[in-house]
Amino acid sequence: MKVAIVSEFYPRQGDPVLGVWAHRQALAARDAGAEVRVLVLHRLVPPRASFFQGTPNPPAGAARALRNLAGEPRRQIHDGLRVTYVRYVSPPRSSSYPAWGAWAAPALGLALRRLRRSFEYDLIHAHNAVPAGDAVRRSRVGVPLVVSVHGGDVLYTAPRSDAGREAVERGLGAAATVLANSRGIAELAGSYGAADVRVVHLGADLPSRGRGTAVRREQAPSLVTVGHLVARKRHADVMRALAVLAKRHPTLRYVIVGDGPERVALEGLAARLGVAERVRFRGQLPPAEAIEEARRCTLFAMPSTEEAFGVAYIEAMAGGVPAIGCRGEPGPEEIAAAGDGFVLVPPGDIERLTQRIDELLSDPQRLREASIRARETVAANFTWRSCGEETLAAYEHALGGKSSAQGTSAG
């Protein structure tokens, strides 16, 4: 089976972390038996935030960002996968994101037709209905389409505007099969027109238990969060819990892996709470280093909202680090239901978050058991091997029982 993968989010020289989950699923599908090529929608318009990064001169910042985007090699090899970066332009995200599929479609259609001359793919797997799925639909290449929904389509794009809802419905409606990363996201995808939905969880690698292969844990107790520094990840809640726990756990530390617009505010909060010396901002790390950093710590804490799945949770749990997430969110609820080693707290409830952290840190036996069960939960439910096998089965299902009519209407 030959598969062309299309994604807006995918690792690149300028950002090796971006969309790493899409790359890992592509590798998992390849390892399960599919032949894979990847096309990345590479937008040649710098985000507004880049105008102000590292320079007081916005035009100079924009020019530098544009040079970096334009300098991205069109063809690359990532872990043996051939990846082509398809360049396009579109208006600002805030005002036009639902229409980006239309802007990307001409370049993507040309790239898909060129690819098929040397790689006669059987189907296309688009990550997200907007813009990737919509762009594929508009390209009219005439092969079955599989669309993965990772949360953005149904949590952000569709609910925020009529244009967004219509674009998501077109993209999902065009798919022979829709893959959702949790049951909650599958239900939302169905409400926006997905006719055939399958839940395929993303995965994590289980570290070997052999001698000399385990990550060395920090001697002092530590909390860790791995994620983009944005408000919905609620790093501030963890920091406030840290401040409350300071007296009971005088050596407790908090490690933050990631970067983003909330960093300055979080640094200021740490100073105001008197815990600045206990908080370590590691910045954005390459994926393998981020995972290793998380697995050195005692507890993974990310009580984030609008969390469709949360690969960072299971990457930590695979290394025996129990995790804490937010109740009522699709991903955390599903991980918690799969087994032990994952704790849920109500959204925004710092008192309950503090209590759960304290309970684990204060009871070594309970912590050891949670560590063992966290790994077992991932081993039984959330490996990349199982993700690859389920992805391949979804491809076969899409080819065996669905028509290729999704490529016939650009609407």
Protein backbone atom coordinates (compact mmCIF):
# COMPACT_ATOMS: atom_id res chain seq x y z
CA MET A 1 0.00 0.00 0.00
CA LYS A 2 1.30 3.44 -0.98
CA VAL A 3 0.21 6.48 0.99
CA ALA A 4 0.75 10.21 0.46
CA ILE A 5 0.56 12.12 3.75
CA VAL A 6 -0.35 15.81 3.71
CA SER A 7 0.13 17.95 6.80
CA GLU A 8 0.31 21.62 7.75
CA PHE A 9 2.27 20.73 10.89
CA TYR A 10 5.47 18.77 10.37
CA PRO A 11 9.06 19.02 11.60
CA ARG A 12 11.34 21.27 9.60
CA GLN A 13 14.79 22.79 9.93
CA GLY A 14 13.36 25.97 11.42
CA ASP A 15 11.23 24.08 13.96
CA PRO A 16 12.08 20.39 14.54
CA VAL A 17 9.31 20.04 17.14
CA LEU A 18 6.41 21.29 15.01
CA GLY A 19 3.98 18.46 14.24
CA VAL A 20 6.36 15.76 15.43
CA TRP A 21 3.27 13.61 16.18
CA ALA A 22 2.39 13.60 12.47
CA HIS A 23 5.91 12.45 11.65
CA ARG A 24 5.82 9.73 14.29
CA GLN A 25 2.50 8.42 12.98
CA ALA A 26 3.93 8.38 9.46
CA LEU A 27 6.89 6.35 10.72
CA ALA A 28 4.54 4.03 12.60
CA ALA A 29 2.46 3.45 9.44
CA ARG A 30 5.64 2.77 7.48
CA ASP A 31 6.86 0.30 10.09
CA ALA A 32 3.46 -1.42 9.95
CA GLY A 33 3.88 -2.04 6.22
CA ALA A 34 2.82 1.07 4.26
CA GLU A 35 5.04 2.87 1.78
CA VAL A 36 4.89 6.54 2.68
CA ARG A 37 5.72 9.92 1.16
CA VAL A 38 4.99 13.23 2.89
CA LEU A 39 3.89 16.60 1.52
CA VAL A 40 4.04 19.52 3.97
CA LEU A 41 1.98 22.68 3.43
CA HIS A 42 4.74 25.27 3.88
CA ARG A 43 3.26 28.75 4.18
CA LEU A 44 5.65 31.50 3.06
CA VAL A 45 4.15 34.18 5.29
CA PRO A 46 5.83 34.79 8.67
CA PRO A 47 3.56 34.77 11.73
CA ARG A 48 3.10 38.22 13.22
CA ALA A 49 4.89 37.23 16.42
CA SER A 50 8.10 36.64 14.46
CA PHE A 51 8.26 40.35 13.60
CA PHE A 52 9.24 41.12 17.20
CA GLN A 53 11.46 38.16 18.08
CA GLY A 54 15.07 39.17 18.68
CA THR A 55 14.82 42.64 17.20
CA PRO A 56 13.20 45.99 18.08
CA ASN A 57 12.66 46.55 14.36
CA PRO A 58 9.50 44.72 13.13
CA PRO A 59 10.33 45.03 9.39
CA ALA A 60 13.77 43.56 10.00
CA GLY A 61 12.22 40.75 12.03
CA ALA A 62 9.70 40.01 9.29
CA ALA A 63 12.45 39.97 6.65
CA ARG A 64 14.53 37.55 8.70
CA ALA A 65 11.52 35.27 9.28
CA LEU A 66 10.70 35.29 5.57
CA ARG A 67 14.30 34.39 4.69
CA ASN A 68 14.13 31.46 7.08
CA LEU A 69 10.88 30.23 5.56
CA ALA A 70 12.11 30.63 1.99
CA GLY A 71 15.38 28.93 2.89
CA GLU A 72 13.68 25.71 4.00
CA PRO A 73 14.82 23.01 1.52
CA ARG A 74 11.95 21.81 -0.63
CA ARG A 75 13.00 18.17 -0.38
CA GLN A 76 14.29 16.51 2.76
CA ILE A 77 14.73 13.09 4.33
CA HIS A 78 13.44 12.60 7.87
CA ASP A 79 14.22 9.22 9.44
CA GLY A 80 14.21 7.66 6.00
CA LEU A 81 10.95 9.30 4.88
CA ARG A 82 10.96 11.50 1.80
CA VAL A 83 9.37 14.83 2.63
CA THR A 84 8.48 17.61 0.17
CA TYR A 85 7.65 21.13 1.42
CA VAL A 86 4.92 22.62 -0.76
CA ARG A 87 5.16 26.40 -0.72
CA TYR A 88 2.11 28.64 -0.77
CA VAL A 89 0.91 31.99 0.53
CA SER A 90 -2.30 33.05 2.25
CA PRO A 91 -3.73 36.04 4.16
CA PRO A 92 -3.35 36.43 7.97
CA ARG A 93 -4.47 33.48 10.05
CA SER A 94 -6.83 35.44 12.29
CA SER A 95 -9.05 36.54 9.43
CA SER A 96 -8.75 33.77 6.87
CA TYR A 97 -7.68 30.42 8.31
CA PRO A 98 -10.80 28.53 7.12
CA ALA A 99 -9.88 29.54 3.55
CA TRP A 100 -6.26 28.41 3.67
CA GLY A 101 -7.17 25.15 1.96
CA ALA A 102 -8.24 27.12 -1.10
CA TRP A 103 -4.98 29.08 -1.06
CA ALA A 104 -2.87 25.92 -0.74
CA ALA A 105 -4.81 23.77 -3.23
CA PRO A 106 -3.17 24.91 -6.51
CA ALA A 107 0.37 24.21 -5.29
CA LEU A 108 -0.66 21.04 -3.50
CA GLY A 109 -2.56 19.72 -6.51
CA LEU A 110 0.51 20.19 -8.69
CA ALA A 111 2.71 18.48 -6.10
CA LEU A 112 0.32 15.55 -5.76
CA ARG A 113 0.22 15.00 -9.52
CA ARG A 114 4.00 15.19 -9.78
CA LEU A 115 4.38 12.74 -6.93
CA ARG A 116 2.03 10.24 -8.53
CA ARG A 117 4.23 9.97 -11.62
CA SER A 118 6.92 8.28 -9.55
CA PHE A 119 4.92 7.07 -6.55
CA GLU A 120 1.45 5.82 -7.49
CA TYR A 121 -0.17 6.26 -4.10
CA ASP A 122 -3.40 4.44 -3.28
CA LEU A 123 -4.78 7.03 -0.86
CA ILE A 124 -4.03 10.33 0.80
CA HIS A 125 -3.89 10.84 4.57
CA ALA A 126 -4.43 14.48 5.53
CA HIS A 127 -3.74 15.70 9.04
CA ASN A 128 -6.68 17.96 9.92
CA ALA A 129 -9.64 18.87 7.73
CA VAL A 130 -8.45 22.49 7.56
CA PRO A 131 -6.39 23.33 5.69
CA ALA A 132 -4.89 19.99 4.59
CA GLY A 133 -8.06 17.96 4.00
CA ASP A 134 -9.80 20.84 2.28
CA ALA A 135 -6.76 21.45 0.07
CA VAL A 136 -6.66 17.78 -0.95
CA ARG A 137 -10.39 17.84 -1.70
CA ARG A 138 -9.96 20.85 -3.93
CA SER A 139 -7.02 19.20 -5.72
CA ARG A 140 -9.31 16.58 -7.27
CA VAL A 141 -6.74 13.80 -7.48
CA GLY A 142 -9.36 11.04 -7.42
CA VAL A 143 -8.06 8.70 -4.72
CA PRO A 144 -9.63 7.96 -1.31
CA LEU A 145 -8.96 10.48 1.42
CA VAL A 146 -8.35 9.74 5.12
CA VAL A 147 -8.47 12.74 7.46
CA SER A 148 -7.04 12.80 10.98
CA VAL A 149 -8.69 15.12 13.50
CA HIS A 150 -6.28 16.13 16.25
CA GLY A 151 -8.56 18.65 17.95
CA GLY A 152 -8.04 21.96 16.18
CA ASP A 153 -10.76 21.39 13.59
CA VAL A 154 -13.51 20.70 16.12
CA LEU A 155 -12.31 22.69 19.14
CA TYR A 156 -11.26 25.90 17.38
CA THR A 157 -11.85 26.24 13.65
CA ALA A 158 -15.43 25.02 13.38
CA PRO A 159 -16.91 26.60 16.54
CA ARG A 160 -15.50 30.08 15.96
CA SER A 161 -17.13 31.07 12.68
CA ASP A 162 -19.59 29.95 10.03
CA ALA A 163 -16.75 29.87 7.51
CA GLY A 164 -14.75 27.62 9.81
CA ARG A 165 -17.65 25.26 10.37
CA GLU A 166 -18.35 25.00 6.65
CA ALA A 167 -14.68 24.36 5.83
CA VAL A 168 -14.40 21.63 8.46
CA GLU A 169 -17.64 20.03 7.31
CA ARG A 170 -16.42 20.01 3.71
CA GLY A 171 -13.09 18.48 4.68
CA LEU A 172 -14.60 15.80 6.91
CA GLY A 173 -17.43 15.09 4.51
CA ALA A 174 -14.93 14.41 1.75
CA ALA A 175 -13.12 11.72 3.74
CA ALA A 176 -13.69 8.03 3.21
CA THR A 177 -12.54 7.55 6.81
CA VAL A 178 -11.83 9.99 9.62
CA LEU A 179 -9.30 9.17 12.34
CA ALA A 180 -9.80 10.78 15.75
CA ASN A 181 -7.22 10.75 18.53
CA SER A 182 -9.84 10.16 21.26
CA ARG A 183 -13.48 9.18 21.59
CA GLY A 184 -14.47 12.69 22.57
CA ILE A 185 -12.91 14.09 19.43
CA ALA A 186 -14.56 11.31 17.40
CA GLU A 187 -17.98 12.41 18.68
CA LEU A 188 -17.26 16.03 17.78
CA ALA A 189 -16.04 15.01 14.32
CA GLY A 190 -19.30 13.15 13.78
CA SER A 191 -21.25 16.28 14.68
CA TYR A 192 -19.41 18.13 11.90
CA GLY A 193 -20.15 15.66 9.16
CA ALA A 194 -17.69 12.79 9.50
CA ALA A 195 -19.58 9.70 8.37
CA ASP A 196 -17.07 6.98 9.20
CA VAL A 197 -14.90 7.68 12.26
CA ARG A 198 -12.28 5.44 13.87
CA VAL A 199 -10.34 6.20 17.05
CA VAL A 200 -6.59 5.81 16.56
CA HIS A 201 -4.49 6.84 19.53
CA LEU A 202 -1.06 8.32 19.04
CA GLY A 203 1.75 6.61 20.88
CA ALA A 204 4.98 6.68 22.81
CA ASP A 205 8.17 4.65 22.88
CA LEU A 206 8.68 2.41 25.89
CA PRO A 207 12.25 2.71 27.19
CA SER A 208 14.10 -0.53 27.72
CA ARG A 209 14.25 -1.90 31.23
CA GLY A 210 17.72 -3.32 30.70
CA ARG A 211 20.63 -2.35 32.91
CA GLY A 212 22.19 0.98 32.02
CA THR A 213 19.33 2.10 29.78
CA ALA A 214 17.01 3.82 32.26
CA VAL A 215 16.95 7.60 32.58
CA ARG A 216 18.48 8.69 35.88
CA ARG A 217 15.86 10.39 38.07
CA GLU A 218 16.49 13.63 39.89
CA GLN A 219 17.19 13.01 43.57
CA ALA A 220 15.01 15.91 44.69
CA PRO A 221 11.26 15.66 43.92
CA SER A 222 10.28 17.53 40.79
CA LEU A 223 7.25 18.42 38.71
CA VAL A 224 7.48 18.78 34.95
CA THR A 225 5.34 20.13 32.13
CA VAL A 226 6.19 19.66 28.44
CA GLY A 227 4.14 21.89 26.18
CA HIS A 228 3.81 25.17 24.38
CA LEU A 229 3.71 28.10 26.80
CA VAL A 230 0.14 29.24 26.20
CA ALA A 231 -2.56 30.02 28.75
CA ARG A 232 -4.68 26.91 28.15
CA LYS A 233 -1.82 24.63 29.23
CA ARG A 234 -2.17 26.21 32.70
CA HIS A 235 1.47 26.20 33.75
CA ALA A 236 0.45 28.96 36.17
CA ASP A 237 -1.77 26.53 38.10
CA VAL A 238 1.17 24.18 38.63
CA MET A 239 3.34 27.09 39.71
CA ARG A 240 0.77 28.18 42.29
CA ALA A 241 0.56 24.61 43.60
CA LEU A 242 4.35 24.62 43.88
CA ALA A 243 4.20 27.77 46.01
CA VAL A 244 1.66 26.18 48.37
CA LEU A 245 3.73 23.00 48.68
CA ALA A 246 7.02 24.80 49.31
CA LYS A 247 6.98 24.32 53.09
CA ARG A 248 5.90 20.66 53.08
CA HIS A 249 8.35 19.78 50.30
CA PRO A 250 11.29 22.19 50.66
CA THR A 251 13.34 20.61 47.86
CA LEU A 252 10.50 20.40 45.31
CA ARG A 253 11.32 21.86 41.89
CA TYR A 254 9.32 22.58 38.71
CA VAL A 255 10.80 22.00 35.24
CA ILE A 256 9.09 23.67 32.26
CA VAL A 257 9.99 22.37 28.79
CA GLY A 258 8.71 24.45 25.88
CA ASP A 259 8.46 28.03 24.77
CA GLY A 260 5.74 30.43 23.76
CA PRO A 261 4.00 33.75 24.40
CA GLU A 262 3.33 33.09 28.10
CA ARG A 263 6.98 32.74 29.09
CA VAL A 264 7.50 36.32 30.31
CA ALA A 265 4.25 36.23 32.30
CA LEU A 266 5.21 32.91 33.89
CA GLU A 267 8.65 34.18 34.83
CA GLY A 268 7.00 37.17 36.47
CA LEU A 269 4.54 34.94 38.32
CA ALA A 270 7.36 32.76 39.65
CA ALA A 271 9.05 35.86 41.04
CA ARG A 272 5.86 37.15 42.65
CA LEU A 273 5.14 33.78 44.25
CA GLY A 274 8.67 33.55 45.61
CA VAL A 275 9.46 30.32 43.74
CA ALA A 276 11.71 31.65 40.96
CA GLU A 277 14.68 29.65 42.27
CA ARG A 278 12.57 26.48 42.20
CA VAL A 279 11.42 26.89 38.57
CA ARG A 280 13.66 25.96 35.65
CA PHE A 281 12.67 27.11 32.16
CA ARG A 282 14.36 24.72 29.72
CA GLY A 283 12.94 26.28 26.57
CA GLN A 284 12.06 24.26 23.49
CA LEU A 285 14.12 21.08 23.25
CA PRO A 286 14.44 18.49 20.47
CA PRO A 287 11.80 15.81 20.99
CA ALA A 288 14.15 13.14 22.34
CA GLU A 289 15.71 15.58 24.82
CA ALA A 290 12.28 16.80 25.95
CA ILE A 291 11.17 13.24 26.66
CA GLU A 292 14.38 12.47 28.54
CA GLU A 293 13.98 15.64 30.62
CA ALA A 294 10.42 14.69 31.54
CA ARG A 295 11.41 11.17 32.53
CA ARG A 296 14.01 12.49 34.98
CA CYS A 297 11.24 14.09 37.02
CA THR A 298 8.87 12.73 39.65
CA LEU A 299 5.45 13.85 38.37
CA PHE A 300 4.19 15.18 35.06
CA ALA A 301 1.63 17.93 35.71
CA MET A 302 -0.33 19.63 32.92
CA PRO A 303 -3.92 20.46 33.94
CA SER A 304 -4.61 21.95 30.52
CA THR A 305 -7.98 22.64 28.93
CA GLU A 306 -9.10 21.92 25.35
CA GLU A 307 -6.76 18.91 25.32
CA ALA A 308 -7.74 16.62 22.45
CA PHE A 309 -5.25 13.92 23.43
CA GLY A 310 -1.85 14.86 24.88
CA VAL A 311 1.10 12.82 23.64
CA ALA A 312 3.30 14.49 26.27
CA TYR A 313 1.38 12.71 29.04
CA ILE A 314 1.96 9.24 27.66
CA GLU A 315 5.59 9.95 26.75
CA ALA A 316 6.24 10.71 30.42
CA MET A 317 4.14 7.77 31.62
CA ALA A 318 6.02 5.39 29.34
CA GLY A 319 9.11 6.23 31.38
CA GLY A 320 7.32 5.55 34.66
CA VAL A 321 6.37 9.13 35.47
CA PRO A 322 2.77 9.42 36.73
CA ALA A 323 0.79 12.23 35.12
CA ILE A 324 -1.88 14.71 36.17
CA GLY A 325 -4.37 16.14 33.69
CA CYS A 326 -7.68 17.95 33.66
CA ARG A 327 -11.07 16.29 34.15
CA GLY A 328 -13.58 16.74 31.34
CA GLU A 329 -11.00 16.94 28.53
CA PRO A 330 -11.17 14.32 25.72
CA GLY A 331 -7.57 13.15 25.87
CA PRO A 332 -6.97 13.08 29.63
CA GLU A 333 -10.31 11.36 30.26
CA GLU A 334 -9.41 8.65 27.73
CA ILE A 335 -5.92 8.09 29.11
CA ALA A 336 -7.26 7.88 32.67
CA ALA A 337 -9.93 5.39 31.61
CA ALA A 338 -7.33 3.14 29.98
CA GLY A 339 -5.49 2.34 33.21
CA ASP A 340 -3.75 3.67 36.29
CA GLY A 341 -0.89 6.12 36.64
CA PHE A 342 -2.93 9.11 35.49
CA VAL A 343 -4.77 11.47 37.84
CA LEU A 344 -7.57 13.87 36.90
CA VAL A 345 -8.31 17.16 38.65
CA PRO A 346 -11.15 19.64 38.01
CA PRO A 347 -10.30 22.50 35.63
CA GLY A 348 -8.80 25.50 37.35
CA ASP A 349 -8.96 23.85 40.79
CA ILE A 350 -5.55 24.69 42.22
CA GLU A 351 -6.48 23.34 45.66
CA ARG A 352 -7.30 19.89 44.26
CA LEU A 353 -4.20 19.94 42.05
CA THR A 354 -2.06 20.78 45.08
CA GLN A 355 -3.70 18.00 47.08
CA ARG A 356 -3.09 15.35 44.42
CA ILE A 357 0.56 16.32 44.04
CA ASP A 358 1.03 16.27 47.81
CA GLU A 359 -0.61 12.85 48.14
CA LEU A 360 1.82 11.28 45.70
CA LEU A 361 4.93 13.03 46.94
CA SER A 362 4.13 12.22 50.57
CA ASP A 363 3.62 8.48 50.04
CA PRO A 364 6.66 6.77 48.45
CA GLN A 365 4.88 3.43 48.13
CA ARG A 366 1.91 4.99 46.38
CA LEU A 367 4.26 6.88 44.09
CA ARG A 368 6.17 3.70 43.17
CA GLU A 369 2.93 1.89 42.37
CA ALA A 370 1.71 4.80 40.25
CA SER A 371 5.01 4.78 38.38
CA ILE A 372 4.72 1.08 37.55
CA ARG A 373 1.10 1.39 36.50
CA ALA A 374 1.76 4.44 34.35
CA ARG A 375 4.18 2.45 32.23
CA GLU A 376 1.80 -0.52 32.10
CA THR A 377 -1.04 1.71 30.91
CA VAL A 378 1.05 2.98 28.00
CA ALA A 379 2.37 -0.48 27.15
CA ALA A 380 -1.16 -1.85 26.92
CA ASN A 381 -2.81 1.02 25.08
CA PHE A 382 -0.57 3.73 23.65
CA THR A 383 2.48 2.47 21.77
CA TRP A 384 3.61 3.63 18.36
CA ARG A 385 3.47 0.03 17.20
CA SER A 386 -0.24 -0.21 17.97
CA CYS A 387 -0.77 3.23 16.41
CA GLY A 388 0.90 2.07 13.20
CA GLU A 389 -1.12 -1.13 13.04
CA GLU A 390 -4.39 0.71 13.65
CA THR A 391 -3.49 3.38 11.11
CA LEU A 392 -2.72 0.73 8.48
CA ALA A 393 -6.02 -1.03 9.27
CA ALA A 394 -7.84 2.28 8.78
CA TYR A 395 -6.15 2.73 5.40
CA GLU A 396 -7.24 -0.75 4.33
CA HIS A 397 -10.77 -0.01 5.54
CA ALA A 398 -10.88 3.22 3.53
CA LEU A 399 -9.67 1.45 0.40
CA GLY A 400 -11.94 -1.54 0.79
CA GLY A 401 -15.29 0.04 1.52
CA LYS A 402 -15.36 3.62 0.38
CA SER A 403 -15.58 5.46 -2.90
CA SER A 404 -13.12 8.07 -4.12
CA ALA A 405 -15.83 10.67 -4.73
CA GLN A 406 -14.23 13.10 -2.31
CA GLY A 407 -11.91 14.37 -5.00
CA THR A 408 -14.68 15.46 -7.35
CA SER A 409 -16.04 18.69 -5.89
CA ALA A 410 -14.26 21.87 -4.88
CA GLY A 411 -17.48 23.62 -3.82
